[in-house]
Amino acid sequence: AMRRGLDLEDREAVAELAGEVDLEVDEHGVRVDGVEATAAIRTPEVTAAVSIVAANSGVRAEMRARQQAWAMIRGGGVIEGRDIGSVVFPDAELKLYLTASPRTRAERRVAEAGGDVDEIEQAIAARDHYDSNRADSPLTDTHGPVLVDTTGMGVDEVLDHILQLLEQV
């Protein structure tokens, strides 16, 4: 929507675009209409705008249907998102709620894509607040997820912890 110059507040236009856009997500990254977008979706500009789009019920319905279809075709999967366990797959066998302090998340984002840690930390905290208070699918703790606070943990530690949890399913 941003690349096409749409007004993100135009709920109908953005929801219509969500139904038309070619979105590919795999182990290599994210492509939108055939254009590599993995790094672009992590920029401060997108981070600041994503809550506006995420609050659009038309977009949420389209993305929910796509995520459910993706998992059905593959017989399951590892899927990331703020409402995956509460709205998209409430009956998943294993639901993890990975979290970290806004500072840690900002530092990780900067390590991946560059940027200013303080600016990104503020954007993350603002998005958390906005997403927790929106009317449609607010960010909320759901019944059954295992909370994994990854603050201070490295990738290998997080992976080991998740694999241990998976063995218990």
N, C-alpha and C. Protein backbone atom coordinates (compact mmCIF):
# COMPACT_ATOMS: atom_id res chain seq x y z
N ALA A 1 0.83 -1.19 0.00
CA ALA A 1 0.00 0.00 0.00
C ALA A 1 0.87 1.25 0.00
N MET A 2 1.94 1.22 0.82
CA MET A 2 2.84 2.38 0.87
C MET A 2 3.55 2.55 -0.47
N ARG A 3 4.02 1.45 -1.04
CA ARG A 3 4.74 1.51 -2.31
C ARG A 3 3.84 2.04 -3.42
N ARG A 4 2.56 1.74 -3.33
CA ARG A 4 1.61 2.20 -4.35
C ARG A 4 1.05 3.59 -4.05
N GLY A 5 1.45 4.16 -2.92
CA GLY A 5 1.03 5.51 -2.58
C GLY A 5 -0.39 5.61 -2.05
N LEU A 6 -0.94 4.50 -1.57
CA LEU A 6 -2.30 4.55 -1.02
C LEU A 6 -2.31 5.25 0.32
N ASP A 7 -3.41 5.92 0.59
CA ASP A 7 -3.63 6.49 1.92
C ASP A 7 -3.99 5.32 2.83
N LEU A 8 -3.16 5.05 3.82
CA LEU A 8 -3.37 3.89 4.69
C LEU A 8 -4.65 4.00 5.50
N GLU A 9 -5.18 5.21 5.64
CA GLU A 9 -6.44 5.41 6.35
C GLU A 9 -7.66 5.10 5.47
N ASP A 10 -7.43 4.92 4.17
CA ASP A 10 -8.51 4.56 3.25
C ASP A 10 -8.75 3.06 3.38
N ARG A 11 -9.58 2.70 4.34
CA ARG A 11 -9.78 1.30 4.71
C ARG A 11 -10.23 0.43 3.53
N GLU A 12 -11.14 0.93 2.72
CA GLU A 12 -11.65 0.14 1.59
C GLU A 12 -10.57 -0.11 0.56
N ALA A 13 -9.81 0.91 0.21
CA ALA A 13 -8.76 0.75 -0.81
C ALA A 13 -7.67 -0.20 -0.33
N VAL A 14 -7.28 -0.07 0.93
CA VAL A 14 -6.23 -0.93 1.48
C VAL A 14 -6.72 -2.37 1.58
N ALA A 15 -7.96 -2.57 2.00
CA ALA A 15 -8.52 -3.93 2.08
C ALA A 15 -8.64 -4.55 0.69
N GLU A 16 -9.04 -3.75 -0.28
CA GLU A 16 -9.13 -4.25 -1.66
C GLU A 16 -7.75 -4.67 -2.16
N LEU A 17 -6.75 -3.87 -1.89
CA LEU A 17 -5.39 -4.21 -2.29
C LEU A 17 -4.92 -5.50 -1.62
N ALA A 18 -5.28 -5.70 -0.36
CA ALA A 18 -4.89 -6.92 0.35
C ALA A 18 -5.40 -8.16 -0.37
N GLY A 19 -6.56 -8.06 -0.99
CA GLY A 19 -7.11 -9.19 -1.72
C GLY A 19 -6.48 -9.40 -3.08
N GLU A 20 -5.83 -8.37 -3.61
CA GLU A 20 -5.26 -8.43 -4.96
C GLU A 20 -3.77 -8.70 -4.98
N VAL A 21 -3.06 -8.31 -3.95
CA VAL A 21 -1.60 -8.38 -3.96
C VAL A 21 -1.12 -9.83 -3.98
N ASP A 22 -0.07 -10.09 -4.74
CA ASP A 22 0.56 -11.41 -4.78
C ASP A 22 1.60 -11.44 -3.67
N LEU A 23 1.35 -12.24 -2.68
CA LEU A 23 2.21 -12.32 -1.50
C LEU A 23 2.81 -13.71 -1.40
N GLU A 24 4.13 -13.79 -1.40
CA GLU A 24 4.83 -15.06 -1.28
C GLU A 24 5.70 -15.02 -0.03
N VAL A 25 5.54 -16.02 0.83
CA VAL A 25 6.33 -16.12 2.05
C VAL A 25 6.89 -17.54 2.10
N ASP A 26 8.21 -17.64 2.21
CA ASP A 26 8.83 -18.95 2.33
C ASP A 26 10.12 -18.81 3.13
N GLU A 27 10.90 -19.88 3.16
CA GLU A 27 12.13 -19.87 3.97
C GLU A 27 13.15 -18.86 3.47
N HIS A 28 12.97 -18.35 2.27
CA HIS A 28 13.91 -17.37 1.72
C HIS A 28 13.52 -15.93 2.02
N GLY A 29 12.27 -15.72 2.39
CA GLY A 29 11.85 -14.37 2.70
C GLY A 29 10.44 -14.06 2.23
N VAL A 30 10.22 -12.77 2.00
CA VAL A 30 8.90 -12.27 1.62
C VAL A 30 9.02 -11.53 0.29
N ARG A 31 8.09 -11.83 -0.62
CA ARG A 31 8.01 -11.12 -1.89
C ARG A 31 6.59 -10.59 -2.05
N VAL A 32 6.50 -9.36 -2.47
CA VAL A 32 5.21 -8.72 -2.71
C VAL A 32 5.16 -8.36 -4.19
N ASP A 33 4.18 -8.94 -4.88
CA ASP A 33 4.06 -8.76 -6.33
C ASP A 33 5.38 -9.07 -7.02
N GLY A 34 6.05 -10.12 -6.55
CA GLY A 34 7.29 -10.57 -7.16
C GLY A 34 8.53 -9.79 -6.75
N VAL A 35 8.38 -8.77 -5.92
CA VAL A 35 9.50 -7.92 -5.51
C VAL A 35 9.94 -8.32 -4.10
N GLU A 36 11.23 -8.58 -3.94
CA GLU A 36 11.79 -8.93 -2.63
C GLU A 36 11.45 -7.83 -1.62
N ALA A 37 10.88 -8.23 -0.48
CA ALA A 37 10.43 -7.25 0.51
C ALA A 37 10.85 -7.58 1.93
N THR A 38 11.69 -8.59 2.11
CA THR A 38 12.04 -9.05 3.45
C THR A 38 12.64 -7.92 4.29
N ALA A 39 13.59 -7.20 3.76
CA ALA A 39 14.20 -6.10 4.52
C ALA A 39 13.26 -4.90 4.61
N ALA A 40 12.53 -4.64 3.54
CA ALA A 40 11.66 -3.46 3.49
C ALA A 40 10.57 -3.50 4.56
N ILE A 41 10.07 -4.70 4.89
CA ILE A 41 8.99 -4.77 5.88
C ILE A 41 9.49 -4.55 7.30
N ARG A 42 10.80 -4.45 7.48
CA ARG A 42 11.38 -4.23 8.80
C ARG A 42 11.89 -2.81 8.99
N THR A 43 11.65 -1.93 8.03
CA THR A 43 12.13 -0.56 8.14
C THR A 43 11.30 0.21 9.16
N PRO A 44 11.87 1.28 9.74
CA PRO A 44 11.10 2.10 10.70
C PRO A 44 9.82 2.66 10.09
N GLU A 45 9.84 3.00 8.80
CA GLU A 45 8.65 3.56 8.15
C GLU A 45 7.51 2.54 8.13
N VAL A 46 7.85 1.30 7.79
CA VAL A 46 6.82 0.26 7.75
C VAL A 46 6.38 -0.09 9.17
N THR A 47 7.34 -0.20 10.08
CA THR A 47 7.00 -0.49 11.48
C THR A 47 6.02 0.54 12.02
N ALA A 48 6.24 1.81 11.69
CA ALA A 48 5.36 2.87 12.17
C ALA A 48 3.97 2.80 11.53
N ALA A 49 3.89 2.30 10.30
CA ALA A 49 2.62 2.28 9.57
C ALA A 49 1.84 0.99 9.73
N VAL A 50 2.49 -0.07 10.15
CA VAL A 50 1.85 -1.39 10.14
C VAL A 50 0.63 -1.46 11.04
N SER A 51 0.63 -0.77 12.15
CA SER A 51 -0.53 -0.84 13.04
C SER A 51 -1.78 -0.26 12.41
N ILE A 52 -1.62 0.74 11.56
CA ILE A 52 -2.78 1.32 10.87
C ILE A 52 -3.40 0.26 9.96
N VAL A 53 -2.56 -0.42 9.20
CA VAL A 53 -3.05 -1.45 8.29
C VAL A 53 -3.58 -2.65 9.07
N ALA A 54 -2.89 -3.01 10.15
CA ALA A 54 -3.29 -4.18 10.95
C ALA A 54 -4.63 -3.97 11.64
N ALA A 55 -5.03 -2.73 11.84
CA ALA A 55 -6.32 -2.45 12.47
C ALA A 55 -7.48 -2.50 11.48
N ASN A 56 -7.16 -2.69 10.21
CA ASN A 56 -8.17 -2.73 9.15
C ASN A 56 -8.79 -4.13 9.12
N SER A 57 -10.06 -4.25 9.48
CA SER A 57 -10.70 -5.57 9.57
C SER A 57 -10.74 -6.29 8.23
N GLY A 58 -10.84 -5.55 7.13
CA GLY A 58 -10.81 -6.18 5.81
C GLY A 58 -9.46 -6.81 5.51
N VAL A 59 -8.40 -6.12 5.86
CA VAL A 59 -7.05 -6.66 5.68
C VAL A 59 -6.86 -7.86 6.59
N ARG A 60 -7.30 -7.75 7.83
CA ARG A 60 -7.14 -8.85 8.79
C ARG A 60 -7.85 -10.11 8.30
N ALA A 61 -9.06 -9.95 7.78
CA ALA A 61 -9.81 -11.11 7.28
C ALA A 61 -9.09 -11.77 6.11
N GLU A 62 -8.58 -10.97 5.19
CA GLU A 62 -7.86 -11.50 4.03
C GLU A 62 -6.59 -12.22 4.47
N MET A 63 -5.82 -11.61 5.34
CA MET A 63 -4.57 -12.23 5.78
C MET A 63 -4.83 -13.50 6.60
N ARG A 64 -5.87 -13.47 7.40
CA ARG A 64 -6.24 -14.66 8.19
C ARG A 64 -6.56 -15.83 7.24
N ALA A 65 -7.35 -15.57 6.21
CA ALA A 65 -7.71 -16.62 5.25
C ALA A 65 -6.47 -17.14 4.53
N ARG A 66 -5.57 -16.24 4.15
CA ARG A 66 -4.35 -16.67 3.46
C ARG A 66 -3.46 -17.51 4.38
N GLN A 67 -3.33 -17.10 5.63
CA GLN A 67 -2.49 -17.85 6.57
C GLN A 67 -3.07 -19.24 6.82
N GLN A 68 -4.37 -19.32 6.98
CA GLN A 68 -5.01 -20.61 7.22
C GLN A 68 -4.86 -21.52 6.01
N ALA A 69 -5.02 -20.98 4.82
CA ALA A 69 -4.85 -21.77 3.59
C ALA A 69 -3.41 -22.24 3.46
N TRP A 70 -2.46 -21.36 3.74
CA TRP A 70 -1.03 -21.71 3.66
C TRP A 70 -0.74 -22.90 4.56
N ALA A 71 -1.22 -22.87 5.79
CA ALA A 71 -0.96 -23.95 6.74
C ALA A 71 -1.68 -25.23 6.33
N MET A 72 -2.89 -25.11 5.80
CA MET A 72 -3.64 -26.30 5.41
C MET A 72 -2.94 -27.02 4.26
N ILE A 73 -2.48 -26.28 3.28
CA ILE A 73 -1.79 -26.86 2.14
C ILE A 73 -0.54 -27.62 2.59
N ARG A 74 0.14 -27.11 3.59
CA ARG A 74 1.40 -27.68 4.05
C ARG A 74 1.24 -28.66 5.22
N GLY A 75 0.05 -28.80 5.71
CA GLY A 75 -0.17 -29.68 6.86
C GLY A 75 0.34 -29.10 8.16
N GLY A 76 0.39 -27.78 8.25
CA GLY A 76 0.85 -27.09 9.45
C GLY A 76 2.02 -26.20 9.12
N GLY A 77 2.63 -25.65 10.14
CA GLY A 77 3.77 -24.80 9.91
C GLY A 77 4.12 -23.97 11.12
N VAL A 78 5.20 -23.26 10.98
CA VAL A 78 5.63 -22.30 11.99
C VAL A 78 5.26 -20.93 11.43
N ILE A 79 4.38 -20.25 12.14
CA ILE A 79 3.83 -19.01 11.62
C ILE A 79 3.95 -17.93 12.69
N GLU A 80 4.45 -16.79 12.27
CA GLU A 80 4.69 -15.68 13.18
C GLU A 80 3.62 -14.62 12.97
N GLY A 81 3.19 -14.03 14.06
CA GLY A 81 2.26 -12.93 13.97
C GLY A 81 1.68 -12.63 15.32
N ARG A 82 1.22 -11.42 15.50
CA ARG A 82 0.76 -10.98 16.81
C ARG A 82 -0.57 -11.60 17.22
N ASP A 83 -1.36 -12.09 16.27
CA ASP A 83 -2.63 -12.71 16.65
C ASP A 83 -2.75 -14.14 16.13
N ILE A 84 -1.64 -14.75 15.80
CA ILE A 84 -1.67 -16.10 15.24
C ILE A 84 -2.31 -17.09 16.21
N GLY A 85 -1.88 -17.09 17.46
CA GLY A 85 -2.41 -18.04 18.44
C GLY A 85 -3.78 -17.69 18.96
N SER A 86 -4.13 -16.42 18.96
CA SER A 86 -5.42 -16.01 19.52
C SER A 86 -6.54 -15.98 18.50
N VAL A 87 -6.22 -15.67 17.23
CA VAL A 87 -7.26 -15.48 16.22
C VAL A 87 -7.13 -16.44 15.04
N VAL A 88 -5.94 -16.54 14.48
CA VAL A 88 -5.76 -17.30 13.24
C VAL A 88 -5.77 -18.81 13.50
N PHE A 89 -5.02 -19.25 14.51
CA PHE A 89 -4.94 -20.67 14.84
C PHE A 89 -5.13 -20.87 16.34
N PRO A 90 -6.32 -20.59 16.86
CA PRO A 90 -6.52 -20.71 18.30
C PRO A 90 -6.40 -22.14 18.83
N ASP A 91 -6.50 -23.14 17.94
CA ASP A 91 -6.42 -24.53 18.38
C ASP A 91 -5.09 -25.19 18.01
N ALA A 92 -4.06 -24.40 17.77
CA ALA A 92 -2.75 -24.96 17.41
C ALA A 92 -2.23 -25.87 18.52
N GLU A 93 -1.49 -26.90 18.12
CA GLU A 93 -0.94 -27.85 19.09
C GLU A 93 0.05 -27.19 20.03
N LEU A 94 0.88 -26.34 19.50
CA LEU A 94 1.86 -25.63 20.32
C LEU A 94 1.81 -24.16 19.94
N LYS A 95 1.50 -23.33 20.92
CA LYS A 95 1.48 -21.89 20.70
C LYS A 95 2.55 -21.28 21.58
N LEU A 96 3.43 -20.55 20.95
CA LEU A 96 4.48 -19.86 21.68
C LEU A 96 4.24 -18.36 21.56
N TYR A 97 4.45 -17.66 22.64
CA TYR A 97 4.38 -16.21 22.61
C TYR A 97 5.79 -15.73 22.91
N LEU A 98 6.53 -15.47 21.83
CA LEU A 98 7.90 -15.00 21.97
C LEU A 98 7.87 -13.50 22.22
N THR A 99 8.58 -13.09 23.22
CA THR A 99 8.64 -11.67 23.53
C THR A 99 10.06 -11.31 23.93
N ALA A 100 10.31 -10.05 24.00
CA ALA A 100 11.57 -9.50 24.49
C ALA A 100 11.29 -8.03 24.78
N SER A 101 12.15 -7.43 25.52
CA SER A 101 11.97 -6.01 25.81
C SER A 101 12.00 -5.22 24.50
N PRO A 102 11.32 -4.07 24.45
CA PRO A 102 11.40 -3.25 23.25
C PRO A 102 12.84 -2.91 22.87
N ARG A 103 13.70 -2.70 23.86
CA ARG A 103 15.10 -2.39 23.58
C ARG A 103 15.78 -3.55 22.88
N THR A 104 15.58 -4.76 23.40
CA THR A 104 16.19 -5.94 22.80
C THR A 104 15.68 -6.13 21.37
N ARG A 105 14.37 -5.96 21.17
CA ARG A 105 13.81 -6.12 19.84
C ARG A 105 14.37 -5.07 18.89
N ALA A 106 14.56 -3.85 19.37
CA ALA A 106 15.14 -2.79 18.54
C ALA A 106 16.58 -3.12 18.18
N GLU A 107 17.34 -3.60 19.14
CA GLU A 107 18.74 -3.96 18.87
C GLU A 107 18.82 -5.07 17.82
N ARG A 108 17.92 -6.03 17.91
CA ARG A 108 17.90 -7.12 16.92
C ARG A 108 17.53 -6.59 15.54
N ARG A 109 16.56 -5.71 15.49
CA ARG A 109 16.15 -5.13 14.21
C ARG A 109 17.30 -4.35 13.58
N VAL A 110 18.02 -3.58 14.39
CA VAL A 110 19.16 -2.81 13.88
C VAL A 110 20.24 -3.75 13.36
N ALA A 111 20.48 -4.84 14.07
CA ALA A 111 21.49 -5.81 13.63
C ALA A 111 21.11 -6.43 12.28
N GLU A 112 19.81 -6.60 12.03
CA GLU A 112 19.34 -7.17 10.77
C GLU A 112 19.36 -6.16 9.63
N ALA A 113 18.89 -4.96 9.92
CA ALA A 113 18.63 -4.03 8.82
C ALA A 113 19.19 -2.63 9.01
N GLY A 114 19.89 -2.40 10.12
CA GLY A 114 20.42 -1.07 10.37
C GLY A 114 19.36 -0.14 10.93
N GLY A 115 19.77 1.07 11.21
CA GLY A 115 18.84 2.06 11.74
C GLY A 115 19.28 2.57 13.09
N ASP A 116 18.47 3.41 13.67
CA ASP A 116 18.74 4.02 14.97
C ASP A 116 18.00 3.24 16.05
N VAL A 117 18.73 2.70 17.02
CA VAL A 117 18.13 1.85 18.05
C VAL A 117 17.05 2.60 18.82
N ASP A 118 17.32 3.83 19.23
CA ASP A 118 16.34 4.58 20.02
C ASP A 118 15.06 4.84 19.23
N GLU A 119 15.20 5.22 17.96
CA GLU A 119 14.04 5.48 17.11
C GLU A 119 13.21 4.20 16.92
N ILE A 120 13.88 3.11 16.67
CA ILE A 120 13.18 1.84 16.45
C ILE A 120 12.54 1.36 17.75
N GLU A 121 13.22 1.54 18.87
CA GLU A 121 12.64 1.15 20.16
C GLU A 121 11.34 1.92 20.42
N GLN A 122 11.35 3.21 20.13
CA GLN A 122 10.14 4.02 20.32
C GLN A 122 9.02 3.55 19.41
N ALA A 123 9.36 3.22 18.16
CA ALA A 123 8.34 2.74 17.21
C ALA A 123 7.76 1.40 17.66
N ILE A 124 8.60 0.52 18.18
CA ILE A 124 8.13 -0.78 18.66
C ILE A 124 7.22 -0.60 19.86
N ALA A 125 7.61 0.23 20.80
CA ALA A 125 6.78 0.47 21.99
C ALA A 125 5.44 1.09 21.60
N ALA A 126 5.46 2.01 20.65
CA ALA A 126 4.22 2.64 20.19
C ALA A 126 3.32 1.60 19.51
N ARG A 127 3.91 0.74 18.70
CA ARG A 127 3.12 -0.30 18.03
C ARG A 127 2.53 -1.26 19.06
N ASP A 128 3.31 -1.66 20.05
CA ASP A 128 2.80 -2.55 21.10
C ASP A 128 1.58 -1.93 21.77
N HIS A 129 1.69 -0.65 22.11
CA HIS A 129 0.58 0.04 22.77
C HIS A 129 -0.65 0.10 21.86
N TYR A 130 -0.43 0.51 20.63
CA TYR A 130 -1.54 0.63 19.67
C TYR A 130 -2.20 -0.73 19.46
N ASP A 131 -1.38 -1.76 19.22
CA ASP A 131 -1.93 -3.09 18.93
C ASP A 131 -2.65 -3.68 20.13
N SER A 132 -2.24 -3.34 21.33
CA SER A 132 -2.90 -3.85 22.53
C SER A 132 -4.25 -3.19 22.77
N ASN A 133 -4.48 -2.04 22.15
CA ASN A 133 -5.70 -1.28 22.40
C ASN A 133 -6.62 -1.13 21.20
N ARG A 134 -6.30 -1.77 20.07
CA ARG A 134 -7.16 -1.65 18.89
C ARG A 134 -8.44 -2.46 19.09
N ALA A 135 -9.46 -2.11 18.35
CA ALA A 135 -10.77 -2.78 18.49
C ALA A 135 -10.77 -4.17 17.86
N ASP A 136 -10.14 -4.33 16.70
CA ASP A 136 -10.19 -5.60 15.97
C ASP A 136 -8.94 -6.43 16.29
N SER A 137 -9.11 -7.57 16.91
CA SER A 137 -8.03 -8.51 17.25
C SER A 137 -6.91 -7.83 18.03
N PRO A 138 -7.22 -7.27 19.19
CA PRO A 138 -6.16 -6.62 19.96
C PRO A 138 -5.10 -7.63 20.38
N LEU A 139 -3.87 -7.16 20.48
CA LEU A 139 -2.77 -7.98 20.96
C LEU A 139 -3.08 -8.36 22.39
N THR A 140 -3.19 -9.65 22.64
CA THR A 140 -3.60 -10.10 23.96
C THR A 140 -2.99 -11.45 24.25
N ASP A 141 -2.80 -11.74 25.52
CA ASP A 141 -2.38 -13.08 25.90
C ASP A 141 -3.56 -14.00 25.65
N THR A 142 -3.29 -15.15 25.06
CA THR A 142 -4.34 -16.11 24.78
C THR A 142 -4.23 -17.27 25.74
N HIS A 143 -5.25 -18.08 25.79
CA HIS A 143 -5.20 -19.27 26.63
C HIS A 143 -4.29 -20.29 25.97
N GLY A 144 -3.32 -20.76 26.71
CA GLY A 144 -2.50 -21.85 26.24
C GLY A 144 -1.14 -21.53 25.68
N PRO A 145 -0.80 -20.30 25.35
CA PRO A 145 0.54 -20.11 24.80
C PRO A 145 1.59 -20.20 25.89
N VAL A 146 2.74 -20.67 25.50
CA VAL A 146 3.89 -20.69 26.39
C VAL A 146 4.63 -19.39 26.17
N LEU A 147 4.76 -18.60 27.21
CA LEU A 147 5.47 -17.33 27.11
C LEU A 147 6.97 -17.60 27.17
N VAL A 148 7.68 -17.13 26.15
CA VAL A 148 9.13 -17.27 26.10
C VAL A 148 9.72 -15.87 25.98
N ASP A 149 10.26 -15.37 27.07
CA ASP A 149 10.91 -14.06 27.06
C ASP A 149 12.35 -14.26 26.60
N THR A 150 12.65 -13.77 25.42
CA THR A 150 13.96 -14.00 24.81
C THR A 150 14.96 -12.89 25.11
N THR A 151 14.58 -11.96 25.98
CA THR A 151 15.52 -10.90 26.36
C THR A 151 16.76 -11.56 26.95
N GLY A 152 17.91 -11.21 26.43
CA GLY A 152 19.16 -11.76 26.93
C GLY A 152 19.52 -13.13 26.39
N MET A 153 18.69 -13.68 25.51
CA MET A 153 18.96 -14.99 24.93
C MET A 153 19.47 -14.84 23.50
N GLY A 154 20.36 -15.74 23.13
CA GLY A 154 20.82 -15.80 21.75
C GLY A 154 19.92 -16.71 20.93
N VAL A 155 20.13 -16.73 19.64
CA VAL A 155 19.31 -17.53 18.74
C VAL A 155 19.36 -19.01 19.13
N ASP A 156 20.56 -19.53 19.40
CA ASP A 156 20.69 -20.94 19.74
C ASP A 156 19.95 -21.29 21.03
N GLU A 157 20.00 -20.39 22.00
CA GLU A 157 19.28 -20.63 23.26
C GLU A 157 17.77 -20.67 23.04
N VAL A 158 17.28 -19.74 22.24
CA VAL A 158 15.84 -19.70 21.95
C VAL A 158 15.43 -20.97 21.21
N LEU A 159 16.21 -21.34 20.21
CA LEU A 159 15.90 -22.54 19.43
C LEU A 159 15.91 -23.79 20.31
N ASP A 160 16.91 -23.93 21.15
CA ASP A 160 16.97 -25.09 22.06
C ASP A 160 15.73 -25.14 22.96
N HIS A 161 15.34 -24.00 23.48
CA HIS A 161 14.17 -23.94 24.36
C HIS A 161 12.90 -24.35 23.60
N ILE A 162 12.75 -23.84 22.39
CA ILE A 162 11.57 -24.17 21.59
C ILE A 162 11.55 -25.66 21.23
N LEU A 163 12.70 -26.20 20.88
CA LEU A 163 12.76 -27.63 20.55
C LEU A 163 12.39 -28.49 21.75
N GLN A 164 12.80 -28.08 22.93
CA GLN A 164 12.42 -28.81 24.15
C GLN A 164 10.90 -28.77 24.34
N LEU A 165 10.30 -27.61 24.10
CA LEU A 165 8.85 -27.49 24.22
C LEU A 165 8.14 -28.34 23.18
N LEU A 166 8.68 -28.37 21.97
CA LEU A 166 8.08 -29.15 20.89
C LEU A 166 8.11 -30.64 21.21
N GLU A 167 9.17 -31.10 21.84
CA GLU A 167 9.28 -32.52 22.21
C GLU A 167 8.20 -32.92 23.21
N GLN A 168 7.69 -31.96 23.96
CA GLN A 168 6.67 -32.25 24.97
C GLN A 168 5.26 -32.34 24.38
N VAL A 169 5.10 -31.95 23.12
CA VAL A 169 3.77 -31.96 22.49
C VAL A 169 3.42 -33.38 22.05
